[in-house]
Amino acid sequence: MKIAAVVTVIPVAEIGFGFGGGAGREVGAAKTGEGGGGGGRACAKSLGYIEIRDGTATYKPIRDAWRDVVLPLTALVIANALPKAIRALRRQRGRARVTQSSPRRHP
């Protein structure tokens, strides 16, 4: 009988928060009023986890599909399309110059 290895997983996250507030008050005989406000925000993003197995700790990042797949794919498409677009623009400008510089015949 085989004994299963014990694995400990520790999540790693980036956590941020912020708070703000304000107050107001009108001064003067005709102006009356008071005000105040406040707000806050908190967010957490998973970065990865630490896996402890057989006395060895290993950090395993959680990959972001947007940064790891979509952006490089977009850069590849642009890199392939840009030279073709530039050549097409140059051809189009060359044709426009030839048309403008050709002599006109008047009857």
N, C-alpha and C. Protein backbone atom coordinates (compact mmCIF):
# COMPACT_ATOMS: atom_id res chain seq x y z
N MET A 1 0.85 -1.17 0.00
CA MET A 1 0.00 0.00 0.00
C MET A 1 0.90 1.23 0.00
N LYS A 2 0.57 2.17 -0.88
CA LYS A 2 1.35 3.38 -1.03
C LYS A 2 0.69 4.51 -0.25
N ILE A 3 1.50 5.27 0.48
CA ILE A 3 0.98 6.40 1.24
C ILE A 3 1.09 7.64 0.37
N ALA A 4 -0.01 8.39 0.28
CA ALA A 4 -0.02 9.61 -0.52
C ALA A 4 0.83 10.68 0.14
N ALA A 5 1.54 11.44 -0.69
CA ALA A 5 2.38 12.53 -0.18
C ALA A 5 1.48 13.67 0.29
N VAL A 6 1.92 14.32 1.36
CA VAL A 6 1.18 15.47 1.87
C VAL A 6 1.64 16.71 1.11
N VAL A 7 0.69 17.45 0.59
CA VAL A 7 0.98 18.67 -0.16
C VAL A 7 0.29 19.83 0.54
N THR A 8 1.04 20.89 0.80
CA THR A 8 0.49 22.10 1.39
C THR A 8 0.49 23.19 0.33
N VAL A 9 -0.64 23.87 0.19
CA VAL A 9 -0.77 24.94 -0.80
C VAL A 9 -1.05 26.25 -0.06
N ILE A 10 -0.23 27.26 -0.35
CA ILE A 10 -0.39 28.58 0.26
C ILE A 10 -0.68 29.58 -0.85
N PRO A 11 -1.85 30.20 -0.85
CA PRO A 11 -2.16 31.16 -1.91
C PRO A 11 -1.35 32.45 -1.75
N VAL A 12 -0.99 33.05 -2.88
CA VAL A 12 -0.27 34.32 -2.91
C VAL A 12 -1.12 35.31 -3.69
N ALA A 13 -1.40 36.46 -3.08
CA ALA A 13 -2.26 37.46 -3.72
C ALA A 13 -1.72 38.85 -3.47
N GLU A 14 -2.10 39.76 -4.36
CA GLU A 14 -1.80 41.17 -4.19
C GLU A 14 -3.09 41.84 -3.74
N ILE A 15 -3.02 42.56 -2.64
CA ILE A 15 -4.22 43.18 -2.08
C ILE A 15 -3.96 44.68 -1.96
N GLY A 16 -4.96 45.47 -2.35
CA GLY A 16 -4.84 46.91 -2.25
C GLY A 16 -6.14 47.52 -1.76
N PHE A 17 -6.03 48.67 -1.11
CA PHE A 17 -7.24 49.35 -0.65
C PHE A 17 -6.95 50.84 -0.56
N GLY A 18 -8.01 51.62 -0.60
CA GLY A 18 -7.88 53.06 -0.47
C GLY A 18 -9.16 53.66 0.07
N PHE A 19 -9.01 54.76 0.74
CA PHE A 19 -10.16 55.44 1.33
C PHE A 19 -10.02 56.93 1.06
N GLY A 20 -11.15 57.61 1.01
CA GLY A 20 -11.15 59.06 0.82
C GLY A 20 -12.37 59.66 1.49
N GLY A 21 -12.28 60.91 1.76
CA GLY A 21 -13.41 61.58 2.40
C GLY A 21 -13.32 63.08 2.20
N GLY A 22 -14.41 63.74 2.46
CA GLY A 22 -14.43 65.18 2.32
C GLY A 22 -15.60 65.78 3.08
N ALA A 23 -15.54 67.07 3.26
CA ALA A 23 -16.61 67.78 3.95
C ALA A 23 -16.71 69.17 3.33
N GLY A 24 -17.88 69.77 3.42
CA GLY A 24 -18.08 71.11 2.89
C GLY A 24 -19.02 71.90 3.77
N ARG A 25 -18.92 73.22 3.61
CA ARG A 25 -19.79 74.08 4.41
C ARG A 25 -19.87 75.43 3.71
N GLU A 26 -21.05 75.94 3.55
CA GLU A 26 -21.26 77.24 2.93
C GLU A 26 -21.16 78.32 4.01
N VAL A 27 -20.58 79.43 3.65
CA VAL A 27 -20.43 80.54 4.60
C VAL A 27 -21.15 81.75 4.02
N GLY A 28 -21.82 82.48 4.85
CA GLY A 28 -22.50 83.70 4.41
C GLY A 28 -23.91 83.73 4.92
N ALA A 29 -24.54 84.90 4.83
CA ALA A 29 -25.90 85.07 5.34
C ALA A 29 -26.93 84.32 4.51
N ALA A 30 -26.81 84.37 3.17
CA ALA A 30 -27.81 83.73 2.31
C ALA A 30 -27.50 82.26 2.05
N LYS A 31 -26.29 81.87 2.22
CA LYS A 31 -25.89 80.51 1.91
C LYS A 31 -25.90 79.66 3.17
N THR A 32 -26.72 78.65 3.15
CA THR A 32 -26.73 77.71 4.28
C THR A 32 -26.61 76.32 3.72
N GLY A 33 -25.87 75.51 4.34
CA GLY A 33 -25.75 74.12 3.89
C GLY A 33 -24.48 73.50 4.43
N GLU A 34 -24.52 72.23 4.54
CA GLU A 34 -23.37 71.45 4.96
C GLU A 34 -23.32 70.21 4.10
N GLY A 35 -22.18 69.62 3.99
CA GLY A 35 -22.06 68.39 3.20
C GLY A 35 -20.89 67.57 3.66
N GLY A 36 -20.88 66.37 3.25
CA GLY A 36 -19.79 65.47 3.60
C GLY A 36 -19.89 64.22 2.75
N GLY A 37 -18.84 63.51 2.65
CA GLY A 37 -18.86 62.28 1.86
C GLY A 37 -17.62 61.46 2.10
N GLY A 38 -17.68 60.27 1.68
CA GLY A 38 -16.54 59.38 1.84
C GLY A 38 -16.72 58.15 0.98
N GLY A 39 -15.66 57.44 0.81
CA GLY A 39 -15.73 56.22 0.01
C GLY A 39 -14.47 55.41 0.18
N GLY A 40 -14.54 54.23 -0.33
CA GLY A 40 -13.38 53.35 -0.22
C GLY A 40 -13.44 52.28 -1.29
N ARG A 41 -12.32 51.63 -1.47
CA ARG A 41 -12.23 50.55 -2.45
C ARG A 41 -11.19 49.56 -1.98
N ALA A 42 -11.47 48.31 -2.24
CA ALA A 42 -10.51 47.24 -1.95
C ALA A 42 -10.52 46.27 -3.12
N CYS A 43 -9.37 45.69 -3.44
CA CYS A 43 -9.30 44.70 -4.51
C CYS A 43 -8.22 43.68 -4.18
N ALA A 44 -8.38 42.52 -4.75
CA ALA A 44 -7.40 41.45 -4.56
C ALA A 44 -7.20 40.74 -5.89
N LYS A 45 -5.95 40.40 -6.19
CA LYS A 45 -5.62 39.73 -7.45
C LYS A 45 -4.76 38.51 -7.12
N SER A 46 -5.16 37.35 -7.61
CA SER A 46 -4.39 36.14 -7.39
C SER A 46 -3.12 36.18 -8.22
N LEU A 47 -1.99 35.96 -7.60
CA LEU A 47 -0.72 35.95 -8.32
C LEU A 47 -0.18 34.54 -8.53
N GLY A 48 -0.47 33.66 -7.60
CA GLY A 48 0.03 32.30 -7.70
C GLY A 48 -0.15 31.58 -6.38
N TYR A 49 0.65 30.54 -6.20
CA TYR A 49 0.58 29.80 -4.95
C TYR A 49 1.93 29.13 -4.69
N ILE A 50 2.17 28.87 -3.41
CA ILE A 50 3.37 28.16 -3.01
C ILE A 50 2.96 26.73 -2.68
N GLU A 51 3.61 25.80 -3.33
CA GLU A 51 3.31 24.38 -3.12
C GLU A 51 4.46 23.75 -2.33
N ILE A 52 4.14 23.18 -1.19
CA ILE A 52 5.14 22.51 -0.37
C ILE A 52 4.88 21.01 -0.45
N ARG A 53 5.84 20.31 -1.04
CA ARG A 53 5.72 18.85 -1.22
C ARG A 53 7.06 18.21 -0.87
N ASP A 54 7.05 17.23 -0.04
CA ASP A 54 8.26 16.50 0.38
C ASP A 54 9.35 17.44 0.90
N GLY A 55 8.95 18.48 1.64
CA GLY A 55 9.92 19.40 2.23
C GLY A 55 10.48 20.43 1.26
N THR A 56 9.98 20.47 0.03
CA THR A 56 10.45 21.43 -0.97
C THR A 56 9.33 22.40 -1.32
N ALA A 57 9.63 23.70 -1.23
CA ALA A 57 8.64 24.73 -1.56
C ALA A 57 8.90 25.23 -2.97
N THR A 58 7.83 25.32 -3.76
CA THR A 58 7.91 25.79 -5.14
C THR A 58 6.82 26.82 -5.37
N TYR A 59 7.21 27.96 -5.94
CA TYR A 59 6.22 28.99 -6.29
C TYR A 59 5.69 28.70 -7.69
N LYS A 60 4.38 28.69 -7.84
CA LYS A 60 3.72 28.44 -9.13
C LYS A 60 2.87 29.66 -9.47
N PRO A 61 3.29 30.44 -10.46
CA PRO A 61 2.50 31.63 -10.82
C PRO A 61 1.22 31.24 -11.55
N ILE A 62 0.19 32.05 -11.37
CA ILE A 62 -1.04 31.88 -12.13
C ILE A 62 -0.91 32.80 -13.33
N ARG A 63 -0.91 32.24 -14.52
CA ARG A 63 -0.67 33.01 -15.73
C ARG A 63 -1.91 33.80 -16.12
N ASP A 64 -1.67 34.99 -16.63
CA ASP A 64 -2.74 35.86 -17.12
C ASP A 64 -2.88 35.62 -18.62
N ALA A 65 -4.02 35.08 -19.03
CA ALA A 65 -4.23 34.74 -20.44
C ALA A 65 -4.14 35.98 -21.33
N TRP A 66 -4.60 37.12 -20.86
CA TRP A 66 -4.57 38.34 -21.66
C TRP A 66 -3.12 38.73 -21.97
N ARG A 67 -2.29 38.75 -20.96
CA ARG A 67 -0.91 39.17 -21.14
C ARG A 67 -0.07 38.10 -21.84
N ASP A 68 -0.36 36.83 -21.60
CA ASP A 68 0.47 35.76 -22.13
C ASP A 68 0.06 35.28 -23.51
N VAL A 69 -1.19 35.51 -23.92
CA VAL A 69 -1.65 35.00 -25.20
C VAL A 69 -2.13 36.11 -26.13
N VAL A 70 -3.05 36.92 -25.67
CA VAL A 70 -3.69 37.90 -26.54
C VAL A 70 -2.72 38.98 -26.99
N LEU A 71 -1.95 39.55 -26.11
CA LEU A 71 -1.02 40.61 -26.50
C LEU A 71 0.06 40.12 -27.47
N PRO A 72 0.73 39.00 -27.22
CA PRO A 72 1.70 38.53 -28.22
C PRO A 72 1.06 38.18 -29.56
N LEU A 73 -0.15 37.63 -29.54
CA LEU A 73 -0.83 37.31 -30.79
C LEU A 73 -1.17 38.58 -31.56
N THR A 74 -1.62 39.61 -30.86
CA THR A 74 -1.91 40.89 -31.50
C THR A 74 -0.65 41.50 -32.09
N ALA A 75 0.44 41.45 -31.35
CA ALA A 75 1.72 41.97 -31.86
C ALA A 75 2.16 41.21 -33.11
N LEU A 76 1.96 39.92 -33.14
CA LEU A 76 2.32 39.11 -34.30
C LEU A 76 1.50 39.49 -35.52
N VAL A 77 0.20 39.67 -35.34
CA VAL A 77 -0.67 40.06 -36.46
C VAL A 77 -0.28 41.43 -36.98
N ILE A 78 -0.02 42.38 -36.09
CA ILE A 78 0.39 43.73 -36.52
C ILE A 78 1.73 43.68 -37.23
N ALA A 79 2.67 42.91 -36.71
CA ALA A 79 3.99 42.81 -37.33
C ALA A 79 3.90 42.23 -38.74
N ASN A 80 2.96 41.33 -38.98
CA ASN A 80 2.79 40.76 -40.32
C ASN A 80 2.03 41.69 -41.24
N ALA A 81 1.07 42.43 -40.72
CA ALA A 81 0.22 43.28 -41.56
C ALA A 81 0.85 44.63 -41.86
N LEU A 82 1.67 45.16 -40.98
CA LEU A 82 2.21 46.50 -41.14
C LEU A 82 3.06 46.67 -42.40
N PRO A 83 4.01 45.78 -42.71
CA PRO A 83 4.79 45.96 -43.95
C PRO A 83 3.91 45.94 -45.20
N LYS A 84 2.90 45.10 -45.22
CA LYS A 84 2.00 45.05 -46.38
C LYS A 84 1.23 46.36 -46.52
N ALA A 85 0.79 46.92 -45.41
CA ALA A 85 0.05 48.18 -45.45
C ALA A 85 0.96 49.32 -45.91
N ILE A 86 2.19 49.32 -45.46
CA ILE A 86 3.13 50.37 -45.87
C ILE A 86 3.42 50.27 -47.37
N ARG A 87 3.63 49.05 -47.88
CA ARG A 87 3.86 48.87 -49.32
C ARG A 87 2.66 49.33 -50.13
N ALA A 88 1.46 49.02 -49.67
CA ALA A 88 0.25 49.43 -50.38
C ALA A 88 0.13 50.95 -50.40
N LEU A 89 0.44 51.62 -49.30
CA LEU A 89 0.40 53.09 -49.25
C LEU A 89 1.43 53.69 -50.19
N ARG A 90 2.62 53.13 -50.23
CA ARG A 90 3.66 53.64 -51.13
C ARG A 90 3.26 53.48 -52.59
N ARG A 91 2.67 52.34 -52.94
CA ARG A 91 2.20 52.13 -54.32
C ARG A 91 1.12 53.14 -54.66
N GLN A 92 0.21 53.36 -53.73
CA GLN A 92 -0.89 54.29 -53.96
C GLN A 92 -0.36 55.71 -54.14
N ARG A 93 0.60 56.13 -53.33
CA ARG A 93 1.19 57.47 -53.47
C ARG A 93 1.97 57.58 -54.77
N GLY A 94 2.65 56.52 -55.15
CA GLY A 94 3.40 56.53 -56.42
C GLY A 94 2.46 56.71 -57.61
N ARG A 95 1.32 56.06 -57.61
CA ARG A 95 0.33 56.21 -58.68
C ARG A 95 -0.23 57.63 -58.69
N ALA A 96 -0.45 58.19 -57.51
CA ALA A 96 -0.99 59.55 -57.45
C ALA A 96 0.01 60.54 -58.01
N ARG A 97 1.30 60.37 -57.78
CA ARG A 97 2.33 61.27 -58.31
C ARG A 97 2.42 61.16 -59.82
N VAL A 98 2.33 59.94 -60.33
CA VAL A 98 2.40 59.76 -61.78
C VAL A 98 1.22 60.44 -62.45
N THR A 99 0.05 60.32 -61.88
CA THR A 99 -1.15 60.94 -62.44
C THR A 99 -1.05 62.45 -62.40
N GLN A 100 -0.51 63.01 -61.33
CA GLN A 100 -0.40 64.47 -61.20
C GLN A 100 0.67 65.04 -62.10
N SER A 101 1.77 64.32 -62.31
CA SER A 101 2.88 64.86 -63.08
C SER A 101 2.76 64.63 -64.57
N SER A 102 1.83 63.81 -65.04
CA SER A 102 1.71 63.55 -66.47
C SER A 102 1.15 64.79 -67.17
N PRO A 103 1.69 65.12 -68.36
CA PRO A 103 1.24 66.33 -69.07
C PRO A 103 -0.17 66.15 -69.60
N ARG A 104 -0.90 67.26 -69.55
CA ARG A 104 -2.28 67.23 -70.06
C ARG A 104 -2.29 67.74 -71.49
N ARG A 105 -3.09 67.12 -72.29
CA ARG A 105 -3.23 67.56 -73.67
C ARG A 105 -4.51 68.35 -73.81
N HIS A 106 -4.37 69.51 -74.41
CA HIS A 106 -5.54 70.34 -74.65
C HIS A 106 -5.90 70.26 -76.13
N PRO A 107 -7.13 70.04 -76.47
CA PRO A 107 -7.50 69.96 -77.90
C PRO A 107 -7.51 71.29 -78.60
